[in-house]
Amino acid sequence: MPFKRINFSYYKYIGVLAYNKKALEFFVNTKQVYLESIEGLETLRFIENNKEFIYVKVEECKSLSVYTLKDLDMIRITMNA
């Protein structure tokens, strides 16, 4: 089935999270939201419930992801270089 290509820009999400006691209490006492269940990002629970949080935009980050054994091999090669 043909489809139209969509041009869009996006940000890569790199999460380093720290919560205070009040935020943790909110989190454990609030049900998981729909987008959080799809994306697996607990930050979405705060966003969809209009809770404030601090984030920092990083202009350049050379992060590596590991999803397969091939990815793991590449990480090992990179770390030993």
C-alpha atoms as a PDB file:
ATOM      1  CA  MET A   1       0.000   0.000   0.000  1.00  0.00           C
ATOM      2  CA  PRO A   2       1.524   3.375  -0.967  1.00  0.00           C
ATOM      3  CA  PHE A   3       2.086   6.006   1.660  1.00  0.00           C
ATOM      4  CA  LYS A   4       3.087   9.632   1.722  1.00  0.00           C
ATOM      5  CA  ARG A   5       6.421  10.364   3.364  1.00  0.00           C
ATOM      6  CA  ILE A   6       6.211  12.683   6.329  1.00  0.00           C
ATOM      7  CA  ASN A   7       9.004  15.155   7.004  1.00  0.00           C
ATOM      8  CA  PHE A   8       9.433  15.986  10.663  1.00  0.00           C
ATOM      9  CA  SER A   9      12.090  16.839  13.195  1.00  0.00           C
ATOM     10  CA  TYR A  10      12.517  15.177  16.559  1.00  0.00           C
ATOM     11  CA  TYR A  11      14.582  15.205  19.710  1.00  0.00           C
ATOM     12  CA  LYS A  12      16.372  12.200  21.099  1.00  0.00           C
ATOM     13  CA  TYR A  13      15.318  11.578  24.679  1.00  0.00           C
ATOM     14  CA  ILE A  14      18.112  10.907  27.160  1.00  0.00           C
ATOM     15  CA  GLY A  15      16.742  10.512  30.643  1.00  0.00           C
ATOM     16  CA  VAL A  16      18.592  11.199  33.847  1.00  0.00           C
ATOM     17  CA  LEU A  17      15.815  11.474  36.364  1.00  0.00           C
ATOM     18  CA  ALA A  18      15.774  12.611  39.980  1.00  0.00           C
ATOM     19  CA  TYR A  19      12.603  12.895  42.038  1.00  0.00           C
ATOM     20  CA  ASN A  20      11.850  14.508  45.374  1.00  0.00           C
ATOM     21  CA  LYS A  21       9.548  12.812  47.871  1.00  0.00           C
ATOM     22  CA  LYS A  22       6.458  14.725  46.731  1.00  0.00           C
ATOM     23  CA  ALA A  23       7.031  13.732  43.097  1.00  0.00           C
ATOM     24  CA  LEU A  24       7.546  10.084  44.044  1.00  0.00           C
ATOM     25  CA  GLU A  25       4.353  10.079  46.079  1.00  0.00           C
ATOM     26  CA  PHE A  26       2.487  11.545  43.111  1.00  0.00           C
ATOM     27  CA  PHE A  27       3.994   8.939  40.807  1.00  0.00           C
ATOM     28  CA  VAL A  28       3.107   5.891  42.890  1.00  0.00           C
ATOM     29  CA  ASN A  29      -0.387   7.196  43.605  1.00  0.00           C
ATOM     30  CA  THR A  30      -1.242   8.034  39.983  1.00  0.00           C
ATOM     31  CA  LYS A  31      -2.240   5.551  37.306  1.00  0.00           C
ATOM     32  CA  GLN A  32      -0.071   5.083  34.250  1.00  0.00           C
ATOM     33  CA  VAL A  33      -1.247   7.291  31.379  1.00  0.00           C
ATOM     34  CA  TYR A  34      -1.898   6.070  27.855  1.00  0.00           C
ATOM     35  CA  LEU A  35       1.211   7.529  26.181  1.00  0.00           C
ATOM     36  CA  GLU A  36       3.411   6.308  29.025  1.00  0.00           C
ATOM     37  CA  SER A  37       2.169   2.761  28.460  1.00  0.00           C
ATOM     38  CA  ILE A  38       3.076   3.012  24.767  1.00  0.00           C
ATOM     39  CA  GLU A  39       6.424   4.808  25.038  1.00  0.00           C
ATOM     40  CA  GLY A  40       7.631   3.475  28.391  1.00  0.00           C
ATOM     41  CA  LEU A  41       8.616   6.992  29.516  1.00  0.00           C
ATOM     42  CA  GLU A  42       7.520   7.744  33.045  1.00  0.00           C
ATOM     43  CA  THR A  43       8.033  11.475  32.403  1.00  0.00           C
ATOM     44  CA  LEU A  44       4.848  11.353  30.316  1.00  0.00           C
ATOM     45  CA  ARG A  45       2.847  10.734  33.496  1.00  0.00           C
ATOM     46  CA  PHE A  46       3.992  14.122  34.781  1.00  0.00           C
ATOM     47  CA  ILE A  47       3.414  15.855  31.441  1.00  0.00           C
ATOM     48  CA  GLU A  48      -0.095  14.474  30.953  1.00  0.00           C
ATOM     49  CA  ASN A  49      -0.993  15.470  34.514  1.00  0.00           C
ATOM     50  CA  ASN A  50       0.304  19.028  34.012  1.00  0.00           C
ATOM     51  CA  LYS A  51       3.098  18.636  36.551  1.00  0.00           C
ATOM     52  CA  GLU A  52       6.134  20.861  36.263  1.00  0.00           C
ATOM     53  CA  PHE A  53       9.613  19.444  35.903  1.00  0.00           C
ATOM     54  CA  ILE A  54      13.003  20.684  34.830  1.00  0.00           C
ATOM     55  CA  TYR A  55      14.760  19.496  31.711  1.00  0.00           C
ATOM     56  CA  VAL A  56      17.950  20.487  29.988  1.00  0.00           C
ATOM     57  CA  LYS A  57      18.322  20.483  26.232  1.00  0.00           C
ATOM     58  CA  VAL A  58      21.661  19.017  25.209  1.00  0.00           C
ATOM     59  CA  GLU A  59      22.864  20.378  21.890  1.00  0.00           C
ATOM     60  CA  GLU A  60      25.136  17.505  20.981  1.00  0.00           C
ATOM     61  CA  CYS A  61      25.262  14.052  22.460  1.00  0.00           C
ATOM     62  CA  LYS A  62      26.908  11.001  21.005  1.00  0.00           C
ATOM     63  CA  SER A  63      24.967   8.398  22.933  1.00  0.00           C
ATOM     64  CA  LEU A  64      24.878   4.740  22.010  1.00  0.00           C
ATOM     65  CA  SER A  65      21.905   2.409  22.282  1.00  0.00           C
ATOM     66  CA  VAL A  66      22.021  -1.329  22.811  1.00  0.00           C
ATOM     67  CA  TYR A  67      19.086  -3.337  21.492  1.00  0.00           C
ATOM     68  CA  THR A  68      20.814  -6.278  19.827  1.00  0.00           C
ATOM     69  CA  LEU A  69      23.961  -8.352  20.219  1.00  0.00           C
ATOM     70  CA  LYS A  70      25.356  -6.528  17.178  1.00  0.00           C
ATOM     71  CA  ASP A  71      24.817  -3.216  19.022  1.00  0.00           C
ATOM     72  CA  LEU A  72      26.628  -4.641  22.037  1.00  0.00           C
ATOM     73  CA  ASP A  73      29.564  -5.668  19.860  1.00  0.00           C
ATOM     74  CA  MET A  74      29.763  -2.108  18.483  1.00  0.00           C
ATOM     75  CA  ILE A  75      29.722  -0.695  22.031  1.00  0.00           C
ATOM     76  CA  ARG A  76      32.567  -2.985  23.034  1.00  0.00           C
ATOM     77  CA  ILE A  77      34.592  -1.972  19.978  1.00  0.00           C
ATOM     78  CA  THR A  78      33.961   1.715  20.674  1.00  0.00           C
ATOM     79  CA  MET A  79      34.930   1.416  24.347  1.00  0.00           C
ATOM     80  CA  ASN A  80      38.157  -0.395  23.520  1.00  0.00           C
ATOM     81  CA  ALA A  81      39.183   2.079  20.806  1.00  0.00           C
END
